[in-house]
C-alpha atoms as a PDB file:
ATOM      1  CA  UNK A   1     -58.673 -10.883  -5.907  1.00  0.00           C
ATOM      2  CA  UNK A   2     -58.270 -11.708  -2.134  1.00  0.00           C
ATOM      3  CA  UNK A   3     -56.903 -15.106  -2.911  1.00  0.00           C
ATOM      4  CA  UNK A   4     -54.199 -13.633  -5.597  1.00  0.00           C
ATOM      5  CA  UNK A   5     -53.044 -11.115  -2.668  1.00  0.00           C
ATOM      6  CA  UNK A   6     -52.607 -13.741  -0.303  1.00  0.00           C
ATOM      7  CA  UNK A   7     -50.318 -15.969  -3.053  1.00  0.00           C
ATOM      8  CA  UNK A   8     -48.498 -12.841  -3.783  1.00  0.00           C
ATOM      9  CA  UNK A   9     -47.664 -12.172  -0.149  1.00  0.00           C
ATOM     10  CA  UNK A  10     -46.880 -15.474   0.804  1.00  0.00           C
ATOM     11  CA  UNK A  11     -44.415 -15.885  -2.430  1.00  0.00           C
ATOM     12  CA  UNK A  12     -42.977 -12.401  -1.340  1.00  0.00           C
ATOM     13  CA  UNK A  13     -42.232 -13.663   2.438  1.00  0.00           C
ATOM     14  CA  UNK A  14     -40.393 -17.002   1.182  1.00  0.00           C
ATOM     15  CA  UNK A  15     -36.773 -16.577  -0.146  1.00  0.00           C
ATOM     16  CA  UNK A  16     -36.232 -17.781  -3.795  1.00  0.00           C
ATOM     17  CA  UNK A  17     -34.994 -21.340  -4.202  1.00  0.00           C
ATOM     18  CA  UNK A  18     -31.511 -20.150  -5.301  1.00  0.00           C
ATOM     19  CA  UNK A  19     -31.263 -17.799  -2.433  1.00  0.00           C
ATOM     20  CA  UNK A  20     -32.001 -20.514   0.224  1.00  0.00           C
ATOM     21  CA  UNK A  21     -29.488 -22.967  -1.591  1.00  0.00           C
ATOM     22  CA  UNK A  22     -26.947 -20.516  -1.227  1.00  0.00           C
ATOM     23  CA  UNK A  23     -27.693 -19.954   2.404  1.00  0.00           C
ATOM     24  CA  UNK A  24     -27.664 -23.586   3.067  1.00  0.00           C
ATOM     25  CA  UNK A  25     -24.374 -23.835   1.274  1.00  0.00           C
ATOM     26  CA  UNK A  26     -22.868 -21.119   3.341  1.00  0.00           C
ATOM     27  CA  UNK A  27     -23.859 -22.688   6.420  1.00  0.00           C
ATOM     28  CA  UNK A  28     -22.131 -25.569   5.480  1.00  0.00           C
ATOM     29  CA  UNK A  29     -18.996 -24.037   4.792  1.00  0.00           C
ATOM     30  CA  UNK A  30     -18.990 -21.672   7.879  1.00  0.00           C
ATOM     31  CA  UNK A  31     -17.431 -24.516  10.030  1.00  0.00           C
ATOM     32  CA  UNK A  32     -14.546 -25.006   8.228  1.00  0.00           C
ATOM     33  CA  UNK A  33     -13.944 -21.316   7.357  1.00  0.00           C
ATOM     34  CA  UNK A  34     -14.178 -20.690  10.887  1.00  0.00           C
ATOM     35  CA  UNK A  35     -11.665 -23.246  12.113  1.00  0.00           C
ATOM     36  CA  UNK A  36      -9.382 -22.573   9.378  1.00  0.00           C
ATOM     37  CA  UNK A  37      -9.315 -18.812  10.295  1.00  0.00           C
ATOM     38  CA  UNK A  38      -8.984 -19.539  13.847  1.00  0.00           C
ATOM     39  CA  UNK A  39      -6.270 -22.094  13.641  1.00  0.00           C
ATOM     40  CA  UNK A  40      -4.259 -19.668  11.625  1.00  0.00           C
ATOM     41  CA  UNK A  41      -4.944 -16.608  14.040  1.00  0.00           C
ATOM     42  CA  UNK A  42      -3.659 -18.831  16.981  1.00  0.00           C
ATOM     43  CA  UNK A  43      -0.653 -19.824  14.939  1.00  0.00           C
ATOM     44  CA  UNK A  44       0.443 -16.417  14.070  1.00  0.00           C
ATOM     45  CA  UNK A  45      -0.130 -15.159  17.374  1.00  0.00           C
ATOM     46  CA  UNK A  46       1.848 -18.133  19.073  1.00  0.00           C
ATOM     47  CA  UNK A  47       4.592 -17.591  16.606  1.00  0.00           C
ATOM     48  CA  UNK A  48       4.877 -13.809  17.692  1.00  0.00           C
ATOM     49  CA  UNK A  49       4.790 -14.868  21.238  1.00  0.00           C
ATOM     50  CA  UNK A  50       7.797 -17.386  20.801  1.00  0.00           C
ATOM     51  CA  UNK A  51       9.729 -15.143  18.841  1.00  0.00           C
ATOM     52  CA  UNK A  52       9.252 -11.987  20.942  1.00  0.00           C
ATOM     53  CA  UNK A  53      11.751 -13.002  23.942  1.00  0.00           C
ATOM     54  CA  UNK A  54      14.398 -13.345  21.467  1.00  0.00           C
ATOM     55  CA  UNK A  55      14.010  -9.918  20.146  1.00  0.00           C
ATOM     56  CA  UNK A  56      16.709  -7.653  22.094  1.00  0.00           C
ATOM     57  CA  UNK A  57      16.790  -3.981  21.525  1.00  0.00           C
ATOM     58  CA  UNK A  58      20.207  -3.035  19.534  1.00  0.00           C
ATOM     59  CA  UNK A  59      21.768   0.423  19.354  1.00  0.00           C
ATOM     60  CA  UNK A  60      23.835   1.691  16.480  1.00  0.00           C
ATOM     61  CA  UNK A  61      26.708   4.066  16.965  1.00  0.00           C
ATOM     62  CA  UNK A  62      28.547   5.856  13.905  1.00  0.00           C
ATOM     63  CA  UNK A  63      32.081   7.245  13.821  1.00  0.00           C
ATOM     64  CA  UNK A  64      33.248   9.012  10.473  1.00  0.00           C
ATOM     65  CA  UNK A  65      36.653   9.613   9.461  1.00  0.00           C
ATOM     66  CA  UNK A  66      37.265  11.704   6.493  1.00  0.00           C
ATOM     67  CA  UNK A  67      40.166  11.791   4.089  1.00  0.00           C
ATOM     68  CA  UNK A  68      41.832  14.673   2.257  1.00  0.00           C
ATOM     69  CA  UNK A  69      45.089  14.770  -0.074  1.00  0.00           C
ATOM     70  CA  UNK A  70      48.150  15.958   1.649  1.00  0.00           C
ATOM     71  CA  UNK A  71      49.068  17.635  -1.312  1.00  0.00           C
ATOM     72  CA  UNK A  72      45.807  18.755  -3.162  1.00  0.00           C
ATOM     73  CA  UNK A  73      47.957  19.747  -6.425  1.00  0.00           C
ATOM     74  CA  UNK A  74      49.558  16.389  -6.847  1.00  0.00           C
ATOM     75  CA  UNK A  75      46.767  14.046  -5.455  1.00  0.00           C
ATOM     76  CA  UNK A  76      43.314  14.442  -7.428  1.00  0.00           C
ATOM     77  CA  UNK A  77      39.895  13.205  -6.472  1.00  0.00           C
ATOM     78  CA  UNK A  78      40.040  10.084  -8.207  1.00  0.00           C
ATOM     79  CA  UNK A  79      43.457   8.936  -6.683  1.00  0.00           C
ATOM     80  CA  UNK A  80      41.815   9.743  -3.281  1.00  0.00           C
ATOM     81  CA  UNK A  81      38.816   7.680  -4.182  1.00  0.00           C
ATOM     82  CA  UNK A  82      41.085   4.789  -5.007  1.00  0.00           C
ATOM     83  CA  UNK A  83      43.135   4.962  -1.939  1.00  0.00           C
ATOM     84  CA  UNK A  84      40.301   5.268   0.680  1.00  0.00           C
ATOM     85  CA  UNK A  85      39.029   1.663   0.258  1.00  0.00           C
ATOM     86  CA  UNK A  86      42.093   0.178   1.686  1.00  0.00           C
ATOM     87  CA  UNK A  87      41.206   1.422   5.076  1.00  0.00           C
ATOM     88  CA  UNK A  88      38.164  -0.852   4.571  1.00  0.00           C
ATOM     89  CA  UNK A  89      40.588  -3.728   4.254  1.00  0.00           C
ATOM     90  CA  UNK A  90      42.365  -2.197   7.562  1.00  0.00           C
ATOM     91  CA  UNK A  91      39.245  -2.587   9.653  1.00  0.00           C
ATOM     92  CA  UNK A  92      38.623  -5.983   7.979  1.00  0.00           C
ATOM     93  CA  UNK A  93      42.001  -7.310   8.868  1.00  0.00           C
ATOM     94  CA  UNK A  94      42.155 -10.158  11.412  1.00  0.00           C
ATOM     95  CA  UNK A  95      45.306  -8.567  12.946  1.00  0.00           C
ATOM     96  CA  UNK A  96      43.597  -5.318  13.586  1.00  0.00           C
ATOM     97  CA  UNK A  97      40.475  -6.601  14.994  1.00  0.00           C
ATOM     98  CA  UNK A  98      42.676  -9.020  17.255  1.00  0.00           C
ATOM     99  CA  UNK A  99      44.939  -6.425  18.225  1.00  0.00           C
ATOM    100  CA  UNK A 100      42.031  -3.794  19.055  1.00  0.00           C
ATOM    101  CA  UNK A 101      39.996  -6.601  20.749  1.00  0.00           C
ATOM    102  CA  UNK A 102      43.028  -7.221  23.386  1.00  0.00           C
ATOM    103  CA  UNK A 103      43.023  -3.436  23.933  1.00  0.00           C
ATOM    104  CA  UNK A 104      39.376  -2.842  24.863  1.00  0.00           C
ATOM    105  CA  UNK A 105      38.371  -6.284  26.034  1.00  0.00           C
ATOM    106  CA  UNK A 106      36.389  -7.786  22.982  1.00  0.00           C
ATOM    107  CA  UNK A 107      36.987 -10.692  20.979  1.00  0.00           C
ATOM    108  CA  UNK A 108      38.071 -10.656  17.258  1.00  0.00           C
ATOM    109  CA  UNK A 109      34.864 -12.394  16.268  1.00  0.00           C
ATOM    110  CA  UNK A 110      32.395 -10.141  18.403  1.00  0.00           C
ATOM    111  CA  UNK A 111      33.915  -6.989  16.639  1.00  0.00           C
ATOM    112  CA  UNK A 112      33.763  -8.608  13.215  1.00  0.00           C
ATOM    113  CA  UNK A 113      30.167  -9.756  13.804  1.00  0.00           C
ATOM    114  CA  UNK A 114      29.118  -6.212  14.941  1.00  0.00           C
ATOM    115  CA  UNK A 115      30.997  -4.024  12.588  1.00  0.00           C
ATOM    116  CA  UNK A 116      29.767  -2.471   9.536  1.00  0.00           C
ATOM    117  CA  UNK A 117      32.236  -0.033   7.548  1.00  0.00           C
ATOM    118  CA  UNK A 118      31.394   1.722   4.485  1.00  0.00           C
ATOM    119  CA  UNK A 119      32.609   4.688   2.234  1.00  0.00           C
ATOM    120  CA  UNK A 120      29.890   7.284   1.952  1.00  0.00           C
ATOM    121  CA  UNK A 121      28.761   7.528  -1.801  1.00  0.00           C
ATOM    122  CA  UNK A 122      30.424  10.297  -3.563  1.00  0.00           C
ATOM    123  CA  UNK A 123      32.692  11.269  -0.645  1.00  0.00           C
ATOM    124  CA  UNK A 124      36.046  10.396   0.863  1.00  0.00           C
ATOM    125  CA  UNK A 125      34.333   9.677   4.234  1.00  0.00           C
ATOM    126  CA  UNK A 126      34.767   6.396   5.896  1.00  0.00           C
ATOM    127  CA  UNK A 127      31.756   5.618   7.986  1.00  0.00           C
ATOM    128  CA  UNK A 128      32.001   2.919  10.883  1.00  0.00           C
ATOM    129  CA  UNK A 129      29.059   1.588  12.274  1.00  0.00           C
ATOM    130  CA  UNK A 130      28.836  -0.622  15.401  1.00  0.00           C
ATOM    131  CA  UNK A 131      25.640  -2.291  16.581  1.00  0.00           C
ATOM    132  CA  UNK A 132      25.335  -3.914  20.054  1.00  0.00           C
ATOM    133  CA  UNK A 133      22.733  -4.470  22.820  1.00  0.00           C
ATOM    134  CA  UNK A 134      24.350  -1.558  24.662  1.00  0.00           C
ATOM    135  CA  UNK A 135      24.517   1.995  23.287  1.00  0.00           C
ATOM    136  CA  UNK A 136      27.631   2.723  25.307  1.00  0.00           C
ATOM    137  CA  UNK A 137      29.614  -0.231  24.171  1.00  0.00           C
ATOM    138  CA  UNK A 138      28.796   0.467  20.623  1.00  0.00           C
ATOM    139  CA  UNK A 139      29.939   4.122  20.759  1.00  0.00           C
ATOM    140  CA  UNK A 140      32.915   2.787  22.642  1.00  0.00           C
ATOM    141  CA  UNK A 141      33.879   0.157  19.988  1.00  0.00           C
ATOM    142  CA  UNK A 142      33.133   2.652  17.080  1.00  0.00           C
ATOM    143  CA  UNK A 143      35.341   5.568  18.296  1.00  0.00           C
ATOM    144  CA  UNK A 144      38.210   2.664  18.925  1.00  0.00           C
ATOM    145  CA  UNK A 145      37.901   1.573  15.459  1.00  0.00           C
ATOM    146  CA  UNK A 146      38.021   5.147  14.190  1.00  0.00           C
ATOM    147  CA  UNK A 147      41.119   5.856  16.315  1.00  0.00           C
ATOM    148  CA  UNK A 148      42.639   2.736  14.605  1.00  0.00           C
ATOM    149  CA  UNK A 149      42.236   4.276  11.044  1.00  0.00           C
ATOM    150  CA  UNK A 150      43.529   7.445  12.128  1.00  0.00           C
ATOM    151  CA  UNK A 151      46.796   5.946  13.859  1.00  0.00           C
ATOM    152  CA  UNK A 152      47.157   4.043  10.107  1.00  0.00           C
ATOM    153  CA  UNK A 153      46.766   7.232   8.138  1.00  0.00           C
ATOM    154  CA  UNK A 154      49.109   9.172  10.369  1.00  0.00           C
ATOM    155  CA  UNK A 155      52.028   7.571   8.418  1.00  0.00           C
ATOM    156  CA  UNK A 156      50.208   7.954   5.003  1.00  0.00           C
ATOM    157  CA  UNK A 157      52.204   9.932   2.410  1.00  0.00           C
ATOM    158  CA  UNK A 158      49.205  10.852   0.307  1.00  0.00           C
ATOM    159  CA  UNK A 159      46.099  11.202   2.355  1.00  0.00           C
ATOM    160  CA  UNK A 160      45.438  12.924   5.764  1.00  0.00           C
ATOM    161  CA  UNK A 161      42.945  11.551   7.774  1.00  0.00           C
ATOM    162  CA  UNK A 162      40.663  13.374  10.515  1.00  0.00           C
ATOM    163  CA  UNK A 163      37.606  12.367  12.712  1.00  0.00           C
ATOM    164  CA  UNK A 164      34.477  13.945  10.884  1.00  0.00           C
ATOM    165  CA  UNK A 165      32.117  12.866  13.592  1.00  0.00           C
ATOM    166  CA  UNK A 166      32.643  10.886  16.664  1.00  0.00           C
ATOM    167  CA  UNK A 167      30.302   8.160  17.896  1.00  0.00           C
ATOM    168  CA  UNK A 168      28.012   8.889  20.740  1.00  0.00           C
ATOM    169  CA  UNK A 169      25.797   6.244  22.393  1.00  0.00           C
ATOM    170  CA  UNK A 170      22.515   6.267  20.612  1.00  0.00           C
ATOM    171  CA  UNK A 171      19.353   7.299  22.445  1.00  0.00           C
ATOM    172  CA  UNK A 172      16.923   5.079  20.867  1.00  0.00           C
ATOM    173  CA  UNK A 173      16.885   1.555  19.830  1.00  0.00           C
ATOM    174  CA  UNK A 174      17.449   0.126  16.200  1.00  0.00           C
ATOM    175  CA  UNK A 175      14.245  -1.106  14.719  1.00  0.00           C
ATOM    176  CA  UNK A 176      12.575  -3.626  14.795  1.00  0.00           C
ATOM    177  CA  UNK A 177      11.778  -3.278  18.610  1.00  0.00           C
ATOM    178  CA  UNK A 178      10.128  -6.023  20.660  1.00  0.00           C
ATOM    179  CA  UNK A 179       6.918  -3.603  20.515  1.00  0.00           C
ATOM    180  CA  UNK A 180       7.481  -3.634  16.752  1.00  0.00           C
ATOM    181  CA  UNK A 181       7.366  -7.435  16.425  1.00  0.00           C
ATOM    182  CA  UNK A 182       4.397  -7.631  18.817  1.00  0.00           C
ATOM    183  CA  UNK A 183       2.260  -5.112  17.073  1.00  0.00           C
ATOM    184  CA  UNK A 184       3.093  -6.520  13.824  1.00  0.00           C
ATOM    185  CA  UNK A 185       2.070 -10.163  14.824  1.00  0.00           C
ATOM    186  CA  UNK A 186      -1.188  -8.889  16.239  1.00  0.00           C
ATOM    187  CA  UNK A 187      -2.272  -7.270  13.226  1.00  0.00           C
ATOM    188  CA  UNK A 188      -0.924  -9.835  10.814  1.00  0.00           C
ATOM    189  CA  UNK A 189      -3.009 -12.544  12.894  1.00  0.00           C
ATOM    190  CA  UNK A 190      -6.479 -11.513  11.586  1.00  0.00           C
ATOM    191  CA  UNK A 191      -5.254 -10.554   8.079  1.00  0.00           C
ATOM    192  CA  UNK A 192      -3.766 -14.278   7.723  1.00  0.00           C
ATOM    193  CA  UNK A 193      -6.732 -15.650   8.996  1.00  0.00           C
ATOM    194  CA  UNK A 194      -9.048 -13.889   6.701  1.00  0.00           C
ATOM    195  CA  UNK A 195      -6.961 -14.728   3.750  1.00  0.00           C
ATOM    196  CA  UNK A 196      -6.988 -18.433   4.633  1.00  0.00           C
ATOM    197  CA  UNK A 197     -10.719 -18.269   5.420  1.00  0.00           C
ATOM    198  CA  UNK A 198     -11.458 -17.080   2.037  1.00  0.00           C
ATOM    199  CA  UNK A 199      -9.071 -19.626  -0.005  1.00  0.00           C
ATOM    200  CA  UNK A 200     -10.818 -22.308   2.199  1.00  0.00           C
ATOM    201  CA  UNK A 201     -14.416 -21.069   1.145  1.00  0.00           C
ATOM    202  CA  UNK A 202     -13.280 -20.663  -2.493  1.00  0.00           C
ATOM    203  CA  UNK A 203     -11.824 -24.258  -2.665  1.00  0.00           C
ATOM    204  CA  UNK A 204     -15.082 -25.706  -1.013  1.00  0.00           C
ATOM    205  CA  UNK A 205     -17.269 -23.961  -3.559  1.00  0.00           C
ATOM    206  CA  UNK A 206     -15.305 -25.219  -6.409  1.00  0.00           C
ATOM    207  CA  UNK A 207     -15.317 -28.777  -4.826  1.00  0.00           C
ATOM    208  CA  UNK A 208     -18.989 -28.107  -4.645  1.00  0.00           C
ATOM    209  CA  UNK A 209     -19.421 -27.091  -8.256  1.00  0.00           C
ATOM    210  CA  UNK A 210     -17.631 -29.976  -9.524  1.00  0.00           C
ATOM    211  CA  UNK A 211     -19.854 -32.178  -7.496  1.00  0.00           C
ATOM    212  CA  UNK A 212     -22.938 -30.879  -8.905  1.00  0.00           C
ATOM    213  CA  UNK A 213     -21.896 -31.053 -12.359  1.00  0.00           C
ATOM    214  CA  UNK A 214     -23.751 -33.697 -14.453  1.00  0.00           C
ATOM    215  CA  UNK A 215     -21.772 -36.939 -14.850  1.00  0.00           C
END
């Protein structure tokens, strides 16, 4: 009876053969898994540090010009919606941007690259957005472009334009900022490392199963 208890205790203290085999297999995978994950982590963090100096804060300023018919009886809403888009073409005109650039000391290409004009859906409002690295500069350009539209509309026989909202220097930079990129990189590194490690372990287990199959 005592001998049976000793044998049972010995068996209970020893891991099963299958468990031991799995532990050995996991131990064999661990170095590759760790190296793959570490390499991915360092790659993501390194890329984040390389990109970070190039991330400059940008500021958006918006000026809004609203249009109404000069003759509400003779000019309907459908006509207004057809006429307002031509002022988008005015803002996109090389002659307009070149002339304005000379006046405010900006190049035509700079104005074109930093300008985004659109018509607010369901309205007759022209929204002029300017994005630069200087909030004061953005506001100055947006207001200058709005003045161009107002000047052009002064001779419009069908539409009357008025400044619905003037551009003011933005207080906060436009996302993503350098901090956004930094934190995204710091968080993405461990996630990417974990995914690569899992993929590496699964591939290694698949290869082992193939190697264990009887030939």
